[in-house]
Amino acid sequence: TGTPQVINHFKLAIANNYFDAIEVEFVKEAENVEIVTHKNKFTVAAGKKADLQFFTRFAQSLLQEGKAEGKVFVKITHQNQTNTIERKVKLVGPF
């Protein structure tokens, strides 16, 4: 039936300190870790905060003693300027 998969839930807190909206997008998945979300592009209004909910899906074999470290890459665009940030996430599951 294939390799057993594990799904983890995460929340990424974003604060927009600009005077106009920003666009936030999950742009790149780490090797062997898939990002799953109901939509990939989010708008955060000026001066607002947002909690972006997403899931990771990965093969259970990636885990060592039930845990591993993954990466999430997020693109933030403000007034045609784009920055990509990397966030480490702790992956967990059965072992």
Protein backbone atom coordinates (compact mmCIF):
# COMPACT_ATOMS: atom_id res chain seq x y z
CA THR A 1 0.00 0.00 0.00
CA GLY A 2 3.01 2.31 -0.07
CA THR A 3 5.10 4.08 2.52
CA PRO A 4 3.25 5.12 5.70
CA GLN A 5 2.71 8.89 5.79
CA VAL A 6 2.60 11.25 8.79
CA ILE A 7 0.77 14.59 8.94
CA ASN A 8 1.66 17.38 11.39
CA HIS A 9 -0.29 20.61 11.98
CA PHE A 10 1.44 23.99 12.33
CA LYS A 11 0.56 27.63 12.80
CA LEU A 12 2.82 30.39 11.45
CA ALA A 13 2.31 33.76 13.17
CA ILE A 14 2.83 36.74 10.84
CA ALA A 15 2.75 40.40 11.93
CA ASN A 16 2.48 43.06 9.24
CA ASN A 17 4.15 46.23 10.54
CA TYR A 18 3.80 48.05 7.22
CA PHE A 19 1.22 50.72 6.37
CA ASP A 20 -0.23 48.60 3.56
CA ALA A 21 -0.99 44.94 2.92
CA ILE A 22 1.54 42.18 2.37
CA GLU A 23 1.20 38.89 0.48
CA VAL A 24 2.43 35.73 2.17
CA GLU A 25 2.93 32.49 0.24
CA PHE A 26 4.39 29.07 0.99
CA VAL A 27 6.84 28.76 -1.89
CA LYS A 28 9.15 25.83 -1.40
CA GLU A 29 9.01 22.57 0.40
CA ALA A 30 11.97 20.98 2.07
CA GLU A 31 13.16 17.71 0.61
CA ASN A 32 10.75 14.91 1.50
CA VAL A 33 8.28 17.26 3.27
CA GLU A 34 5.11 18.42 1.50
CA ILE A 35 3.17 21.55 2.57
CA VAL A 36 -0.61 21.06 2.63
CA THR A 37 -2.90 24.08 3.03
CA HIS A 38 -6.40 25.11 1.91
CA LYS A 39 -4.87 28.03 0.01
CA ASN A 40 -1.29 28.92 -0.64
CA LYS A 41 -1.44 32.72 -0.84
CA PHE A 42 -2.58 34.92 2.03
CA THR A 43 -3.05 38.68 2.37
CA VAL A 44 -2.27 40.29 5.71
CA ALA A 45 -3.74 43.78 6.11
CA ALA A 46 -1.67 46.77 7.22
CA GLY A 47 -0.86 46.70 10.93
CA LYS A 48 -2.55 43.32 11.43
CA LYS A 49 -1.44 39.89 12.59
CA ALA A 50 -2.41 36.55 11.12
CA ASP A 51 -1.99 32.93 12.13
CA LEU A 52 -1.51 30.88 8.96
CA GLN A 53 -2.54 27.26 9.44
CA PHE A 54 -0.84 24.53 7.43
CA PHE A 55 0.05 20.86 7.52
CA THR A 56 3.18 18.95 6.60
CA ARG A 57 3.03 15.47 5.08
CA PHE A 58 6.06 13.22 5.00
CA ALA A 59 7.10 9.58 5.02
CA GLN A 60 7.23 8.01 8.47
CA SER A 61 10.69 6.70 7.57
CA LEU A 62 11.99 10.29 7.79
CA LEU A 63 11.60 10.14 11.57
CA GLN A 64 14.35 9.01 13.93
CA GLU A 65 12.93 7.90 17.30
CA GLY A 66 9.67 9.63 16.40
CA LYS A 67 11.07 13.03 15.48
CA ALA A 68 12.88 14.98 12.79
CA GLU A 69 13.51 18.56 11.74
CA GLY A 70 12.01 20.05 8.60
CA LYS A 71 11.99 23.44 6.89
CA VAL A 72 9.24 25.68 5.57
CA PHE A 73 9.99 28.46 3.08
CA VAL A 74 7.69 31.49 3.01
CA LYS A 75 7.70 34.33 0.48
CA ILE A 76 6.62 37.75 1.75
CA THR A 77 5.87 40.44 -0.83
CA HIS A 78 5.47 44.13 0.00
CA GLN A 79 5.30 46.80 -2.71
CA ASN A 80 6.93 44.58 -5.34
CA GLN A 81 9.80 43.65 -3.01
CA THR A 82 10.04 39.99 -2.10
CA ASN A 83 11.86 38.24 0.72
CA THR A 84 11.93 34.51 1.31
CA ILE A 85 12.31 33.32 4.87
CA GLU A 86 13.10 29.86 6.14
CA ARG A 87 11.52 28.48 9.30
CA LYS A 88 12.53 25.23 10.96
CA VAL A 89 9.72 22.97 12.14
CA LYS A 90 9.83 19.95 14.43
CA LEU A 91 8.26 16.92 12.80
CA VAL A 92 6.87 14.23 15.07
CA GLY A 93 5.13 10.91 14.68
CA PRO A 94 5.07 7.26 15.69
CA PHE A 95 8.22 5.16 15.98
